[in-house]
Amino acid sequence: MVDFIMKLQLVVKKDVILVVYNRLSKIAHFVTTTEETLAEELVRLFRNNMWKLYGLSESVISDIGLQFMAELMRELNKMLGIETRLLIAFPL
């Protein structure tokens, strides 16, 4: 599960907490960041704090919009050197 705790008091130039909960190990990770953080930086935070411990997730649960999650996965694949091939089906 991925979520954000936002609108916090500014401490050491950080005002958002990225919360990543691993359902398998039942461990929550809390990573500080800012509201201005772009998808590329969030992917870097995920890679440095989660991927190195657990690898890629089989599924992601989030109440964040689908387009945002798709952008994060695209950036993560690019950062890890994974070629993304989108399947486009054409009706006959």
PDB file of N, CA and C in Angstrom:
ATOM      1  N   MET A   1       0.843  -1.163   0.000  1.00  0.00           N
ATOM      2  CA  MET A   1       0.000   0.000   0.000  1.00  0.00           C
ATOM      3  C   MET A   1       0.891   1.228   0.000  1.00  0.00           C
ATOM      4  N   VAL A   2       0.553   2.205  -0.815  1.00  0.00           N
ATOM      5  CA  VAL A   2       1.304   3.451  -0.904  1.00  0.00           C
ATOM      6  C   VAL A   2       0.347   4.598  -0.631  1.00  0.00           C
ATOM      7  N   ASP A   3       0.755   5.513   0.236  1.00  0.00           N
ATOM      8  CA  ASP A   3      -0.083   6.665   0.534  1.00  0.00           C
ATOM      9  C   ASP A   3       0.808   7.810   0.989  1.00  0.00           C
ATOM     10  N   PHE A   4       0.208   8.987   1.136  1.00  0.00           N
ATOM     11  CA  PHE A   4       0.931  10.168   1.583  1.00  0.00           C
ATOM     12  C   PHE A   4       0.234  10.769   2.787  1.00  0.00           C
ATOM     13  N   ILE A   5       1.001  11.262   3.734  1.00  0.00           N
ATOM     14  CA  ILE A   5       0.496  12.100   4.812  1.00  0.00           C
ATOM     15  C   ILE A   5       0.976  13.499   4.458  1.00  0.00           C
ATOM     16  N   MET A   6       0.026  14.398   4.190  1.00  0.00           N
ATOM     17  CA  MET A   6       0.385  15.713   3.644  1.00  0.00           C
ATOM     18  C   MET A   6      -0.002  16.841   4.597  1.00  0.00           C
ATOM     19  N   LYS A   7       0.436  18.038   4.211  1.00  0.00           N
ATOM     20  CA  LYS A   7       0.134  19.281   4.929  1.00  0.00           C
ATOM     21  C   LYS A   7       0.661  19.251   6.365  1.00  0.00           C
ATOM     22  N   LEU A   8       1.839  18.697   6.539  1.00  0.00           N
ATOM     23  CA  LEU A   8       2.464  18.664   7.850  1.00  0.00           C
ATOM     24  C   LEU A   8       3.267  19.936   8.093  1.00  0.00           C
ATOM     25  N   GLN A   9       3.603  20.174   9.322  1.00  0.00           N
ATOM     26  CA  GLN A   9       4.458  21.303   9.654  1.00  0.00           C
ATOM     27  C   GLN A   9       5.828  21.090   9.016  1.00  0.00           C
ATOM     28  N   LEU A  10       6.380  22.136   8.430  1.00  0.00           N
ATOM     29  CA  LEU A  10       7.668  22.050   7.747  1.00  0.00           C
ATOM     30  C   LEU A  10       8.788  21.789   8.755  1.00  0.00           C
ATOM     31  N   VAL A  11       9.493  20.671   8.576  1.00  0.00           N
ATOM     32  CA  VAL A  11      10.627  20.304   9.425  1.00  0.00           C
ATOM     33  C   VAL A  11      11.759  19.878   8.508  1.00  0.00           C
ATOM     34  N   VAL A  12      12.898  20.537   8.623  1.00  0.00           N
ATOM     35  CA  VAL A  12      14.076  20.269   7.787  1.00  0.00           C
ATOM     36  C   VAL A  12      13.671  20.243   6.302  1.00  0.00           C
ATOM     37  N   LYS A  13      12.852  21.223   5.906  1.00  0.00           N
ATOM     38  CA  LYS A  13      12.387  21.407   4.522  1.00  0.00           C
ATOM     39  C   LYS A  13      11.564  20.227   4.003  1.00  0.00           C
ATOM     40  N   LYS A  14      10.962  19.456   4.881  1.00  0.00           N
ATOM     41  CA  LYS A  14      10.111  18.323   4.497  1.00  0.00           C
ATOM     42  C   LYS A  14       8.731  18.538   5.104  1.00  0.00           C
ATOM     43  N   ASP A  15       7.665  18.301   4.315  1.00  0.00           N
ATOM     44  CA  ASP A  15       6.314  18.504   4.819  1.00  0.00           C
ATOM     45  C   ASP A  15       5.343  17.385   4.420  1.00  0.00           C
ATOM     46  N   VAL A  16       5.865  16.290   3.874  1.00  0.00           N
ATOM     47  CA  VAL A  16       5.047  15.154   3.448  1.00  0.00           C
ATOM     48  C   VAL A  16       5.751  13.869   3.878  1.00  0.00           C
ATOM     49  N   ILE A  17       4.957  12.879   4.259  1.00  0.00           N
ATOM     50  CA  ILE A  17       5.508  11.561   4.558  1.00  0.00           C
ATOM     51  C   ILE A  17       4.940  10.569   3.551  1.00  0.00           C
ATOM     52  N   LEU A  18       5.817   9.893   2.825  1.00  0.00           N
ATOM     53  CA  LEU A  18       5.446   8.803   1.937  1.00  0.00           C
ATOM     54  C   LEU A  18       5.355   7.553   2.797  1.00  0.00           C
ATOM     55  N   VAL A  19       4.174   6.931   2.808  1.00  0.00           N
ATOM     56  CA  VAL A  19       3.956   5.731   3.616  1.00  0.00           C
ATOM     57  C   VAL A  19       3.863   4.541   2.673  1.00  0.00           C
ATOM     58  N   VAL A  20       4.722   3.558   2.878  1.00  0.00           N
ATOM     59  CA  VAL A  20       4.689   2.324   2.094  1.00  0.00           C
ATOM     60  C   VAL A  20       4.545   1.172   3.077  1.00  0.00           C
ATOM     61  N   TYR A  21       3.457   0.412   2.924  1.00  0.00           N
ATOM     62  CA  TYR A  21       3.178  -0.709   3.820  1.00  0.00           C
ATOM     63  C   TYR A  21       3.330  -2.008   3.045  1.00  0.00           C
ATOM     64  N   ASN A  22       4.172  -2.885   3.529  1.00  0.00           N
ATOM     65  CA  ASN A  22       4.389  -4.193   2.916  1.00  0.00           C
ATOM     66  C   ASN A  22       3.440  -5.175   3.589  1.00  0.00           C
ATOM     67  N   ARG A  23       2.427  -5.631   2.843  1.00  0.00           N
ATOM     68  CA  ARG A  23       1.425  -6.529   3.420  1.00  0.00           C
ATOM     69  C   ARG A  23       2.005  -7.887   3.789  1.00  0.00           C
ATOM     70  N   LEU A  24       3.014  -8.333   3.062  1.00  0.00           N
ATOM     71  CA  LEU A  24       3.610  -9.636   3.338  1.00  0.00           C
ATOM     72  C   LEU A  24       4.337  -9.650   4.675  1.00  0.00           C
ATOM     73  N   SER A  25       5.209  -8.678   4.876  1.00  0.00           N
ATOM     74  CA  SER A  25       5.984  -8.631   6.122  1.00  0.00           C
ATOM     75  C   SER A  25       5.300  -7.821   7.218  1.00  0.00           C
ATOM     76  N   LYS A  26       4.203  -7.132   6.853  1.00  0.00           N
ATOM     77  CA  LYS A  26       3.462  -6.287   7.799  1.00  0.00           C
ATOM     78  C   LYS A  26       4.351  -5.200   8.410  1.00  0.00           C
ATOM     79  N   ILE A  27       5.200  -4.641   7.562  1.00  0.00           N
ATOM     80  CA  ILE A  27       6.099  -3.574   7.989  1.00  0.00           C
ATOM     81  C   ILE A  27       5.742  -2.307   7.224  1.00  0.00           C
ATOM     82  N   ALA A  28       5.643  -1.190   7.939  1.00  0.00           N
ATOM     83  CA  ALA A  28       5.393   0.107   7.322  1.00  0.00           C
ATOM     84  C   ALA A  28       6.690   0.896   7.269  1.00  0.00           C
ATOM     85  N   HIS A  29       6.900   1.563   6.157  1.00  0.00           N
ATOM     86  CA  HIS A  29       8.071   2.420   5.987  1.00  0.00           C
ATOM     87  C   HIS A  29       7.572   3.847   5.804  1.00  0.00           C
ATOM     88  N   PHE A  30       8.239   4.789   6.437  1.00  0.00           N
ATOM     89  CA  PHE A  30       7.871   6.192   6.375  1.00  0.00           C
ATOM     90  C   PHE A  30       9.066   6.971   5.834  1.00  0.00           C
ATOM     91  N   VAL A  31       8.860   7.667   4.719  1.00  0.00           N
ATOM     92  CA  VAL A  31       9.940   8.404   4.063  1.00  0.00           C
ATOM     93  C   VAL A  31       9.509   9.857   3.932  1.00  0.00           C
ATOM     94  N   THR A  32      10.319  10.781   4.432  1.00  0.00           N
ATOM     95  CA  THR A  32       9.969  12.195   4.357  1.00  0.00           C
ATOM     96  C   THR A  32      10.311  12.756   2.986  1.00  0.00           C
ATOM     97  N   THR A  33       9.476  13.674   2.527  1.00  0.00           N
ATOM     98  CA  THR A  33       9.673  14.332   1.242  1.00  0.00           C
ATOM     99  C   THR A  33       8.923  15.663   1.265  1.00  0.00           C
ATOM    100  N   THR A  34       8.744  16.281   0.111  1.00  0.00           N
ATOM    101  CA  THR A  34       8.031  17.553   0.028  1.00  0.00           C
ATOM    102  C   THR A  34       6.864  17.441  -0.948  1.00  0.00           C
ATOM    103  N   GLU A  35       5.947  18.408  -0.878  1.00  0.00           N
ATOM    104  CA  GLU A  35       4.800  18.414  -1.786  1.00  0.00           C
ATOM    105  C   GLU A  35       5.221  18.647  -3.234  1.00  0.00           C
ATOM    106  N   GLU A  36       6.339  19.295  -3.439  1.00  0.00           N
ATOM    107  CA  GLU A  36       6.806  19.606  -4.790  1.00  0.00           C
ATOM    108  C   GLU A  36       7.528  18.448  -5.459  1.00  0.00           C
ATOM    109  N   THR A  37       7.652  17.322  -4.792  1.00  0.00           N
ATOM    110  CA  THR A  37       8.375  16.180  -5.335  1.00  0.00           C
ATOM    111  C   THR A  37       7.689  15.651  -6.586  1.00  0.00           C
ATOM    112  N   LEU A  38       8.454  15.481  -7.652  1.00  0.00           N
ATOM    113  CA  LEU A  38       7.931  14.960  -8.912  1.00  0.00           C
ATOM    114  C   LEU A  38       8.002  13.441  -8.933  1.00  0.00           C
ATOM    115  N   ALA A  39       7.386  12.837  -9.943  1.00  0.00           N
ATOM    116  CA  ALA A  39       7.334  11.379 -10.059  1.00  0.00           C
ATOM    117  C   ALA A  39       8.734  10.771 -10.053  1.00  0.00           C
ATOM    118  N   GLU A  40       9.680  11.383 -10.757  1.00  0.00           N
ATOM    119  CA  GLU A  40      11.037  10.833 -10.830  1.00  0.00           C
ATOM    120  C   GLU A  40      11.685  10.751  -9.448  1.00  0.00           C
ATOM    121  N   GLU A  41      11.502  11.789  -8.630  1.00  0.00           N
ATOM    122  CA  GLU A  41      12.078  11.780  -7.285  1.00  0.00           C
ATOM    123  C   GLU A  41      11.364  10.773  -6.387  1.00  0.00           C
ATOM    124  N   LEU A  42      10.041  10.629  -6.529  1.00  0.00           N
ATOM    125  CA  LEU A  42       9.314   9.625  -5.748  1.00  0.00           C
ATOM    126  C   LEU A  42       9.789   8.218  -6.094  1.00  0.00           C
ATOM    127  N   VAL A  43      10.061   7.984  -7.374  1.00  0.00           N
ATOM    128  CA  VAL A  43      10.583   6.681  -7.793  1.00  0.00           C
ATOM    129  C   VAL A  43      11.952   6.440  -7.176  1.00  0.00           C
ATOM    130  N   ARG A  44      12.778   7.472  -7.146  1.00  0.00           N
ATOM    131  CA  ARG A  44      14.103   7.341  -6.534  1.00  0.00           C
ATOM    132  C   ARG A  44      13.962   7.011  -5.045  1.00  0.00           C
ATOM    133  N   LEU A  45      13.021   7.668  -4.350  1.00  0.00           N
ATOM    134  CA  LEU A  45      12.777   7.366  -2.938  1.00  0.00           C
ATOM    135  C   LEU A  45      12.313   5.920  -2.775  1.00  0.00           C
ATOM    136  N   PHE A  46      11.402   5.476  -3.658  1.00  0.00           N
ATOM    137  CA  PHE A  46      10.908   4.101  -3.601  1.00  0.00           C
ATOM    138  C   PHE A  46      12.043   3.111  -3.845  1.00  0.00           C
ATOM    139  N   ARG A  47      12.856   3.391  -4.864  1.00  0.00           N
ATOM    140  CA  ARG A  47      13.978   2.502  -5.177  1.00  0.00           C
ATOM    141  C   ARG A  47      14.971   2.416  -4.018  1.00  0.00           C
ATOM    142  N   ASN A  48      15.297   3.546  -3.442  1.00  0.00           N
ATOM    143  CA  ASN A  48      16.302   3.578  -2.377  1.00  0.00           C
ATOM    144  C   ASN A  48      15.800   3.029  -1.047  1.00  0.00           C
ATOM    145  N   ASN A  49      14.486   3.054  -0.824  1.00  0.00           N
ATOM    146  CA  ASN A  49      13.955   2.642   0.471  1.00  0.00           C
ATOM    147  C   ASN A  49      13.160   1.344   0.449  1.00  0.00           C
ATOM    148  N   MET A  50      12.538   0.990  -0.663  1.00  0.00           N
ATOM    149  CA  MET A  50      11.697  -0.212  -0.708  1.00  0.00           C
ATOM    150  C   MET A  50      12.258  -1.285  -1.632  1.00  0.00           C
ATOM    151  N   TRP A  51      12.577  -0.897  -2.859  1.00  0.00           N
ATOM    152  CA  TRP A  51      13.002  -1.868  -3.870  1.00  0.00           C
ATOM    153  C   TRP A  51      14.254  -2.621  -3.431  1.00  0.00           C
ATOM    154  N   LYS A  52      15.183  -1.916  -2.802  1.00  0.00           N
ATOM    155  CA  LYS A  52      16.416  -2.584  -2.367  1.00  0.00           C
ATOM    156  C   LYS A  52      16.140  -3.637  -1.296  1.00  0.00           C
ATOM    157  N   LEU A  53      15.040  -3.489  -0.555  1.00  0.00           N
ATOM    158  CA  LEU A  53      14.684  -4.455   0.490  1.00  0.00           C
ATOM    159  C   LEU A  53      13.793  -5.582  -0.011  1.00  0.00           C
ATOM    160  N   TYR A  54      12.829  -5.251  -0.887  1.00  0.00           N
ATOM    161  CA  TYR A  54      11.789  -6.212  -1.254  1.00  0.00           C
ATOM    162  C   TYR A  54      11.698  -6.537  -2.738  1.00  0.00           C
ATOM    163  N   GLY A  55      12.364  -5.779  -3.593  1.00  0.00           N
ATOM    164  CA  GLY A  55      12.207  -5.977  -5.030  1.00  0.00           C
ATOM    165  C   GLY A  55      10.915  -5.345  -5.514  1.00  0.00           C
ATOM    166  N   LEU A  56      10.480  -5.750  -6.695  1.00  0.00           N
ATOM    167  CA  LEU A  56       9.256  -5.185  -7.267  1.00  0.00           C
ATOM    168  C   LEU A  56       8.028  -5.795  -6.609  1.00  0.00           C
ATOM    169  N   SER A  57       7.010  -4.985  -6.459  1.00  0.00           N
ATOM    170  CA  SER A  57       5.758  -5.433  -5.859  1.00  0.00           C
ATOM    171  C   SER A  57       4.929  -6.204  -6.874  1.00  0.00           C
ATOM    172  N   GLU A  58       4.199  -7.199  -6.387  1.00  0.00           N
ATOM    173  CA  GLU A  58       3.260  -7.907  -7.249  1.00  0.00           C
ATOM    174  C   GLU A  58       2.017  -7.069  -7.488  1.00  0.00           C
ATOM    175  N   SER A  59       1.668  -6.248  -6.512  1.00  0.00           N
ATOM    176  CA  SER A  59       0.515  -5.361  -6.657  1.00  0.00           C
ATOM    177  C   SER A  59       0.743  -4.124  -5.805  1.00  0.00           C
ATOM    178  N   VAL A  60       0.037  -3.059  -6.167  1.00  0.00           N
ATOM    179  CA  VAL A  60       0.107  -1.810  -5.427  1.00  0.00           C
ATOM    180  C   VAL A  60      -1.320  -1.370  -5.133  1.00  0.00           C
ATOM    181  N   ILE A  61      -1.601  -1.064  -3.878  1.00  0.00           N
ATOM    182  CA  ILE A  61      -2.904  -0.556  -3.488  1.00  0.00           C
ATOM    183  C   ILE A  61      -2.719   0.903  -3.121  1.00  0.00           C
ATOM    184  N   SER A  62      -3.503   1.768  -3.750  1.00  0.00           N
ATOM    185  CA  SER A  62      -3.366   3.190  -3.487  1.00  0.00           C
ATOM    186  C   SER A  62      -4.657   3.901  -3.839  1.00  0.00           C
ATOM    187  N   ASP A  63      -4.946   4.974  -3.108  1.00  0.00           N
ATOM    188  CA  ASP A  63      -6.093   5.800  -3.467  1.00  0.00           C
ATOM    189  C   ASP A  63      -5.657   6.982  -4.334  1.00  0.00           C
ATOM    190  N   ILE A  64      -4.413   6.974  -4.738  1.00  0.00           N
ATOM    191  CA  ILE A  64      -3.882   7.985  -5.646  1.00  0.00           C
ATOM    192  C   ILE A  64      -4.367   7.637  -7.050  1.00  0.00           C
ATOM    193  N   GLY A  65      -4.578   8.630  -7.906  1.00  0.00           N
ATOM    194  CA  GLY A  65      -5.102   8.406  -9.250  1.00  0.00           C
ATOM    195  C   GLY A  65      -4.300   7.419 -10.074  1.00  0.00           C
ATOM    196  N   LEU A  66      -4.986   6.725 -10.972  1.00  0.00           N
ATOM    197  CA  LEU A  66      -4.350   5.724 -11.827  1.00  0.00           C
ATOM    198  C   LEU A  66      -3.254   6.317 -12.700  1.00  0.00           C
ATOM    199  N   GLN A  67      -3.470   7.530 -13.217  1.00  0.00           N
ATOM    200  CA  GLN A  67      -2.459   8.153 -14.069  1.00  0.00           C
ATOM    201  C   GLN A  67      -1.179   8.411 -13.288  1.00  0.00           C
ATOM    202  N   PHE A  68      -1.318   8.813 -12.021  1.00  0.00           N
ATOM    203  CA  PHE A  68      -0.145   9.058 -11.181  1.00  0.00           C
ATOM    204  C   PHE A  68       0.623   7.765 -10.948  1.00  0.00           C
ATOM    205  N   MET A  69      -0.087   6.691 -10.617  1.00  0.00           N
ATOM    206  CA  MET A  69       0.568   5.405 -10.378  1.00  0.00           C
ATOM    207  C   MET A  69       1.207   4.870 -11.659  1.00  0.00           C
ATOM    208  N   ALA A  70       0.545   5.067 -12.810  1.00  0.00           N
ATOM    209  CA  ALA A  70       1.118   4.634 -14.086  1.00  0.00           C
ATOM    210  C   ALA A  70       2.414   5.381 -14.371  1.00  0.00           C
ATOM    211  N   GLU A  71       2.435   6.677 -14.069  1.00  0.00           N
ATOM    212  CA  GLU A  71       3.653   7.478 -14.269  1.00  0.00           C
ATOM    213  C   GLU A  71       4.770   7.002 -13.340  1.00  0.00           C
ATOM    214  N   LEU A  72       4.431   6.680 -12.088  1.00  0.00           N
ATOM    215  CA  LEU A  72       5.442   6.166 -11.166  1.00  0.00           C
ATOM    216  C   LEU A  72       6.029   4.852 -11.664  1.00  0.00           C
ATOM    217  N   MET A  73       5.177   3.942 -12.133  1.00  0.00           N
ATOM    218  CA  MET A  73       5.669   2.651 -12.626  1.00  0.00           C
ATOM    219  C   MET A  73       6.517   2.836 -13.888  1.00  0.00           C
ATOM    220  N   ARG A  74       6.124   3.749 -14.753  1.00  0.00           N
ATOM    221  CA  ARG A  74       6.904   4.029 -15.964  1.00  0.00           C
ATOM    222  C   ARG A  74       8.298   4.534 -15.588  1.00  0.00           C
ATOM    223  N   GLU A  75       8.351   5.467 -14.634  1.00  0.00           N
ATOM    224  CA  GLU A  75       9.640   6.005 -14.190  1.00  0.00           C
ATOM    225  C   GLU A  75      10.481   4.934 -13.497  1.00  0.00           C
ATOM    226  N   LEU A  76       9.843   4.087 -12.688  1.00  0.00           N
ATOM    227  CA  LEU A  76      10.570   3.024 -12.001  1.00  0.00           C
ATOM    228  C   LEU A  76      11.162   2.051 -13.010  1.00  0.00           C
ATOM    229  N   ASN A  77      10.375   1.652 -14.003  1.00  0.00           N
ATOM    230  CA  ASN A  77      10.882   0.752 -15.044  1.00  0.00           C
ATOM    231  C   ASN A  77      12.071   1.373 -15.766  1.00  0.00           C
ATOM    232  N   LYS A  78      11.959   2.653 -16.098  1.00  0.00           N
ATOM    233  CA  LYS A  78      13.048   3.340 -16.792  1.00  0.00           C
ATOM    234  C   LYS A  78      14.300   3.380 -15.913  1.00  0.00           C
ATOM    235  N   MET A  79      14.133   3.681 -14.627  1.00  0.00           N
ATOM    236  CA  MET A  79      15.263   3.775 -13.709  1.00  0.00           C
ATOM    237  C   MET A  79      15.946   2.424 -13.505  1.00  0.00           C
ATOM    238  N   LEU A  80      15.160   1.343 -13.524  1.00  0.00           N
ATOM    239  CA  LEU A  80      15.705   0.003 -13.313  1.00  0.00           C
ATOM    240  C   LEU A  80      16.147  -0.660 -14.616  1.00  0.00           C
ATOM    241  N   GLY A  81      15.945   0.020 -15.744  1.00  0.00           N
ATOM    242  CA  GLY A  81      16.355  -0.541 -17.025  1.00  0.00           C
ATOM    243  C   GLY A  81      15.408  -1.604 -17.552  1.00  0.00           C
ATOM    244  N   ILE A  82      14.142  -1.547 -17.142  1.00  0.00           N
ATOM    245  CA  ILE A  82      13.141  -2.507 -17.602  1.00  0.00           C
ATOM    246  C   ILE A  82      12.426  -1.920 -18.809  1.00  0.00           C
ATOM    247  N   GLU A  83      12.435  -2.646 -19.908  1.00  0.00           N
ATOM    248  CA  GLU A  83      11.758  -2.180 -21.115  1.00  0.00           C
ATOM    249  C   GLU A  83      10.258  -2.401 -20.963  1.00  0.00           C
ATOM    250  N   THR A  84       9.494  -1.335 -21.149  1.00  0.00           N
ATOM    251  CA  THR A  84       8.043  -1.406 -21.029  1.00  0.00           C
ATOM    252  C   THR A  84       7.444  -1.513 -22.430  1.00  0.00           C
ATOM    253  N   ARG A  85       6.661  -2.544 -22.662  1.00  0.00           N
ATOM    254  CA  ARG A  85       5.969  -2.707 -23.937  1.00  0.00           C
ATOM    255  C   ARG A  85       4.473  -2.703 -23.651  1.00  0.00           C
ATOM    256  N   LEU A  86       3.809  -1.712 -24.198  1.00  0.00           N
ATOM    257  CA  LEU A  86       2.373  -1.585 -23.982  1.00  0.00           C
ATOM    258  C   LEU A  86       1.635  -2.433 -25.020  1.00  0.00           C
ATOM    259  N   LEU A  87       0.647  -3.141 -24.554  1.00  0.00           N
ATOM    260  CA  LEU A  87      -0.161  -3.983 -25.428  1.00  0.00           C
ATOM    261  C   LEU A  87      -1.341  -3.174 -25.938  1.00  0.00           C
ATOM    262  N   ILE A  88      -1.488  -3.119 -27.237  1.00  0.00           N
ATOM    263  CA  ILE A  88      -2.607  -2.421 -27.843  1.00  0.00           C
ATOM    264  C   ILE A  88      -3.386  -3.439 -28.652  1.00  0.00           C
ATOM    265  N   ALA A  89      -4.628  -3.636 -28.300  1.00  0.00           N
ATOM    266  CA  ALA A  89      -5.457  -4.598 -29.007  1.00  0.00           C
ATOM    267  C   ALA A  89      -6.386  -3.870 -29.974  1.00  0.00           C
ATOM    268  N   PHE A  90      -6.438  -4.371 -31.197  1.00  0.00           N
ATOM    269  CA  PHE A  90      -7.319  -3.805 -32.210  1.00  0.00           C
ATOM    270  C   PHE A  90      -8.430  -4.797 -32.492  1.00  0.00           C
ATOM    271  N   PRO A  91      -9.693  -4.388 -32.353  1.00  0.00           N
ATOM    272  CA  PRO A  91     -10.784  -5.317 -32.680  1.00  0.00           C
ATOM    273  C   PRO A  91     -10.827  -5.581 -34.179  1.00  0.00           C
ATOM    274  N   LEU A  92     -11.097  -6.821 -34.532  1.00  0.00           N
ATOM    275  CA  LEU A  92     -11.188  -7.193 -35.940  1.00  0.00           C
ATOM    276  C   LEU A  92     -12.605  -7.136 -36.436  1.00  0.00           C
TER     277      LEU A  92
END
